[in-house]
Amino acid sequence: MWQKISTELYYTYTVVAEQKEVDVINAELESTLNKLESEKERLSDEEYIKVYARGEFHLVKEGEQVFLLPRIGGSEDPSVDEN
């Protein structure tokens, strides 16, 4: 009888521990989903896409000149993101 009770307690403890792990993973996935949905909304805005492309891919408008300045207290390489 005690063996049956201890076995059931072990399985219950195991299930509770696994549920906690699943809850943590679920919370991480929810956070990722919210970030992706937010980014999806921003990507539907043409102005955001222009700003993003100019900043991320260093795109320029026709006839525009770009001056790369060193970051204060940071890397001299502008492609290095320090955030």
N, C-alpha and C. Protein backbone atom coordinates (compact mmCIF):
# COMPACT_ATOMS: atom_id res chain seq x y z
N MET A 1 0.82 -1.19 0.00
CA MET A 1 0.00 0.00 0.00
C MET A 1 0.87 1.26 0.00
N TRP A 2 1.91 1.29 0.85
CA TRP A 2 2.78 2.47 0.91
C TRP A 2 3.53 2.67 -0.39
N GLN A 3 3.87 1.53 -1.01
CA GLN A 3 4.59 1.63 -2.28
C GLN A 3 3.71 2.27 -3.34
N LYS A 4 2.43 1.92 -3.35
CA LYS A 4 1.50 2.49 -4.32
C LYS A 4 1.35 4.00 -4.08
N ILE A 5 1.23 4.38 -2.82
CA ILE A 5 1.08 5.80 -2.48
C ILE A 5 2.35 6.57 -2.86
N SER A 6 3.51 6.00 -2.54
CA SER A 6 4.76 6.70 -2.87
C SER A 6 4.94 6.80 -4.38
N THR A 7 4.53 5.79 -5.12
CA THR A 7 4.62 5.83 -6.58
C THR A 7 3.70 6.91 -7.13
N GLU A 8 2.51 7.00 -6.60
CA GLU A 8 1.56 8.02 -7.05
C GLU A 8 2.07 9.42 -6.70
N LEU A 9 2.65 9.58 -5.52
CA LEU A 9 3.22 10.86 -5.14
C LEU A 9 4.38 11.24 -6.06
N TYR A 10 5.21 10.27 -6.39
CA TYR A 10 6.32 10.52 -7.30
C TYR A 10 5.81 10.99 -8.66
N TYR A 11 4.82 10.29 -9.19
CA TYR A 11 4.27 10.68 -10.50
C TYR A 11 3.61 12.06 -10.42
N THR A 12 2.92 12.33 -9.34
CA THR A 12 2.29 13.64 -9.17
C THR A 12 3.35 14.73 -9.13
N TYR A 13 4.41 14.51 -8.36
CA TYR A 13 5.51 15.47 -8.27
C TYR A 13 6.14 15.69 -9.64
N THR A 14 6.35 14.60 -10.37
CA THR A 14 6.94 14.68 -11.70
C THR A 14 6.06 15.48 -12.65
N VAL A 15 4.77 15.24 -12.61
CA VAL A 15 3.84 15.95 -13.47
C VAL A 15 3.82 17.44 -13.12
N VAL A 16 3.83 17.76 -11.84
CA VAL A 16 3.83 19.17 -11.42
C VAL A 16 5.11 19.86 -11.88
N ALA A 17 6.25 19.18 -11.75
CA ALA A 17 7.52 19.75 -12.19
C ALA A 17 7.52 19.97 -13.70
N GLU A 18 7.01 19.01 -14.44
CA GLU A 18 6.94 19.14 -15.90
C GLU A 18 5.99 20.26 -16.29
N GLN A 19 4.89 20.41 -15.55
CA GLN A 19 3.93 21.48 -15.85
C GLN A 19 4.57 22.84 -15.64
N LYS A 20 5.41 22.97 -14.61
CA LYS A 20 6.11 24.24 -14.37
C LYS A 20 7.05 24.55 -15.54
N GLU A 21 7.75 23.54 -16.04
CA GLU A 21 8.63 23.74 -17.18
C GLU A 21 7.83 24.16 -18.42
N VAL A 22 6.71 23.51 -18.63
CA VAL A 22 5.85 23.84 -19.76
C VAL A 22 5.32 25.27 -19.62
N ASP A 23 4.98 25.68 -18.42
CA ASP A 23 4.50 27.04 -18.19
C ASP A 23 5.57 28.07 -18.53
N VAL A 24 6.82 27.78 -18.15
CA VAL A 24 7.92 28.70 -18.46
C VAL A 24 8.11 28.79 -19.97
N ILE A 25 8.13 27.66 -20.64
CA ILE A 25 8.29 27.65 -22.10
C ILE A 25 7.13 28.37 -22.75
N ASN A 26 5.92 28.15 -22.26
CA ASN A 26 4.74 28.80 -22.81
C ASN A 26 4.83 30.32 -22.66
N ALA A 27 5.30 30.79 -21.51
CA ALA A 27 5.45 32.23 -21.29
C ALA A 27 6.48 32.82 -22.26
N GLU A 28 7.58 32.09 -22.48
CA GLU A 28 8.59 32.55 -23.44
C GLU A 28 8.02 32.62 -24.84
N LEU A 29 7.25 31.62 -25.22
CA LEU A 29 6.64 31.61 -26.55
C LEU A 29 5.61 32.72 -26.71
N GLU A 30 4.85 33.00 -25.66
CA GLU A 30 3.88 34.10 -25.70
C GLU A 30 4.60 35.43 -25.90
N SER A 31 5.71 35.61 -25.20
CA SER A 31 6.49 36.83 -25.34
C SER A 31 7.02 36.97 -26.77
N THR A 32 7.56 35.89 -27.30
CA THR A 32 8.06 35.90 -28.68
C THR A 32 6.94 36.20 -29.65
N LEU A 33 5.79 35.58 -29.45
CA LEU A 33 4.64 35.82 -30.32
C LEU A 33 4.22 37.28 -30.30
N ASN A 34 4.17 37.88 -29.11
CA ASN A 34 3.81 39.30 -29.00
C ASN A 34 4.79 40.19 -29.73
N LYS A 35 6.10 39.89 -29.59
CA LYS A 35 7.11 40.67 -30.30
C LYS A 35 6.96 40.54 -31.80
N LEU A 36 6.71 39.32 -32.27
CA LEU A 36 6.55 39.10 -33.71
C LEU A 36 5.29 39.78 -34.25
N GLU A 37 4.21 39.74 -33.49
CA GLU A 37 2.98 40.41 -33.93
C GLU A 37 3.18 41.92 -33.99
N SER A 38 3.92 42.46 -33.03
CA SER A 38 4.22 43.88 -33.02
C SER A 38 5.07 44.25 -34.23
N GLU A 39 6.08 43.44 -34.51
CA GLU A 39 6.94 43.68 -35.68
C GLU A 39 6.13 43.56 -36.97
N LYS A 40 5.22 42.63 -37.02
CA LYS A 40 4.36 42.45 -38.21
C LYS A 40 3.54 43.72 -38.45
N GLU A 41 3.00 44.28 -37.38
CA GLU A 41 2.22 45.52 -37.52
C GLU A 41 3.10 46.67 -38.01
N ARG A 42 4.31 46.77 -37.45
CA ARG A 42 5.21 47.85 -37.89
C ARG A 42 5.60 47.67 -39.34
N LEU A 43 5.79 46.42 -39.78
CA LEU A 43 6.19 46.17 -41.15
C LEU A 43 5.08 46.45 -42.16
N SER A 44 3.88 46.67 -41.70
CA SER A 44 2.80 47.06 -42.62
C SER A 44 2.80 48.57 -42.85
N ASP A 45 3.64 49.30 -42.11
CA ASP A 45 3.76 50.75 -42.26
C ASP A 45 4.93 51.06 -43.20
N GLU A 46 4.62 51.69 -44.34
CA GLU A 46 5.63 51.97 -45.35
C GLU A 46 6.75 52.85 -44.83
N GLU A 47 6.42 53.83 -43.99
CA GLU A 47 7.45 54.71 -43.43
C GLU A 47 8.41 53.94 -42.53
N TYR A 48 7.89 53.02 -41.74
CA TYR A 48 8.74 52.21 -40.88
C TYR A 48 9.69 51.37 -41.72
N ILE A 49 9.18 50.80 -42.81
CA ILE A 49 10.02 49.98 -43.68
C ILE A 49 11.16 50.81 -44.26
N LYS A 50 10.86 52.04 -44.67
CA LYS A 50 11.90 52.91 -45.22
C LYS A 50 12.97 53.19 -44.17
N VAL A 51 12.56 53.55 -42.98
CA VAL A 51 13.51 53.86 -41.91
C VAL A 51 14.32 52.61 -41.54
N TYR A 52 13.65 51.49 -41.45
CA TYR A 52 14.32 50.24 -41.11
C TYR A 52 15.36 49.87 -42.16
N ALA A 53 14.97 49.95 -43.43
CA ALA A 53 15.88 49.60 -44.52
C ALA A 53 17.09 50.54 -44.55
N ARG A 54 16.86 51.82 -44.32
CA ARG A 54 17.97 52.79 -44.32
C ARG A 54 18.92 52.50 -43.18
N GLY A 55 18.39 52.18 -42.01
CA GLY A 55 19.24 51.93 -40.85
C GLY A 55 19.90 50.57 -40.88
N GLU A 56 19.15 49.55 -41.21
CA GLU A 56 19.64 48.18 -41.13
C GLU A 56 20.53 47.82 -42.33
N PHE A 57 20.15 48.26 -43.51
CA PHE A 57 20.86 47.85 -44.72
C PHE A 57 21.65 48.98 -45.36
N HIS A 58 21.68 50.13 -44.69
CA HIS A 58 22.44 51.29 -45.15
C HIS A 58 22.01 51.72 -46.56
N LEU A 59 20.73 51.65 -46.83
CA LEU A 59 20.21 52.10 -48.12
C LEU A 59 20.15 53.62 -48.13
N VAL A 60 20.35 54.20 -49.29
CA VAL A 60 20.32 55.65 -49.42
C VAL A 60 19.38 56.04 -50.55
N LYS A 61 18.91 57.26 -50.48
CA LYS A 61 18.09 57.78 -51.55
C LYS A 61 19.00 58.25 -52.68
N GLU A 62 18.45 58.33 -53.87
CA GLU A 62 19.22 58.75 -55.03
C GLU A 62 19.78 60.15 -54.80
N GLY A 63 21.10 60.32 -55.06
CA GLY A 63 21.75 61.60 -54.90
C GLY A 63 22.15 61.92 -53.47
N GLU A 64 21.86 61.06 -52.53
CA GLU A 64 22.17 61.30 -51.12
C GLU A 64 23.58 60.86 -50.80
N GLN A 65 24.27 61.59 -49.95
CA GLN A 65 25.60 61.20 -49.49
C GLN A 65 25.51 60.78 -48.03
N VAL A 66 26.23 59.73 -47.70
CA VAL A 66 26.22 59.21 -46.33
C VAL A 66 27.57 59.45 -45.70
N PHE A 67 27.56 59.97 -44.49
CA PHE A 67 28.79 60.19 -43.73
C PHE A 67 28.73 59.30 -42.50
N LEU A 68 29.67 58.37 -42.41
CA LEU A 68 29.74 57.47 -41.26
C LEU A 68 30.64 58.09 -40.20
N LEU A 69 30.09 58.33 -39.05
CA LEU A 69 30.83 58.93 -37.95
C LEU A 69 31.10 57.88 -36.89
N PRO A 70 32.27 57.94 -36.24
CA PRO A 70 32.54 56.97 -35.18
C PRO A 70 31.62 57.21 -34.00
N ARG A 71 31.29 56.15 -33.33
CA ARG A 71 30.44 56.26 -32.15
C ARG A 71 31.28 56.71 -30.98
N ILE A 72 30.72 57.54 -30.16
CA ILE A 72 31.43 58.03 -28.97
C ILE A 72 31.52 56.90 -27.95
N GLY A 73 32.76 56.60 -27.55
CA GLY A 73 32.97 55.57 -26.53
C GLY A 73 32.68 54.17 -27.01
N GLY A 74 32.59 53.97 -28.30
CA GLY A 74 32.25 52.65 -28.81
C GLY A 74 33.17 52.21 -29.91
N SER A 75 32.73 51.25 -30.65
CA SER A 75 33.50 50.69 -31.73
C SER A 75 33.59 51.67 -32.90
N GLU A 76 34.70 51.64 -33.60
CA GLU A 76 34.86 52.47 -34.79
C GLU A 76 34.09 51.88 -35.96
N ASP A 77 33.75 50.61 -35.88
CA ASP A 77 33.03 49.93 -36.96
C ASP A 77 31.55 50.18 -36.82
N PRO A 78 30.91 50.92 -37.76
CA PRO A 78 29.48 51.24 -37.62
C PRO A 78 28.58 50.02 -37.77
N SER A 79 29.11 48.91 -38.29
CA SER A 79 28.28 47.71 -38.44
C SER A 79 28.14 46.95 -37.14
N VAL A 80 28.92 47.34 -36.12
CA VAL A 80 28.86 46.65 -34.82
C VAL A 80 27.77 47.30 -34.01
N ASP A 81 26.78 46.50 -33.62
CA ASP A 81 25.69 47.00 -32.79
C ASP A 81 26.03 46.71 -31.34
N GLU A 82 26.15 47.77 -30.55
CA GLU A 82 26.58 47.58 -29.16
C GLU A 82 25.42 47.49 -28.20
N ASN A 83 24.18 47.46 -28.65
CA ASN A 83 23.03 47.36 -27.76
C ASN A 83 22.66 45.95 -27.51
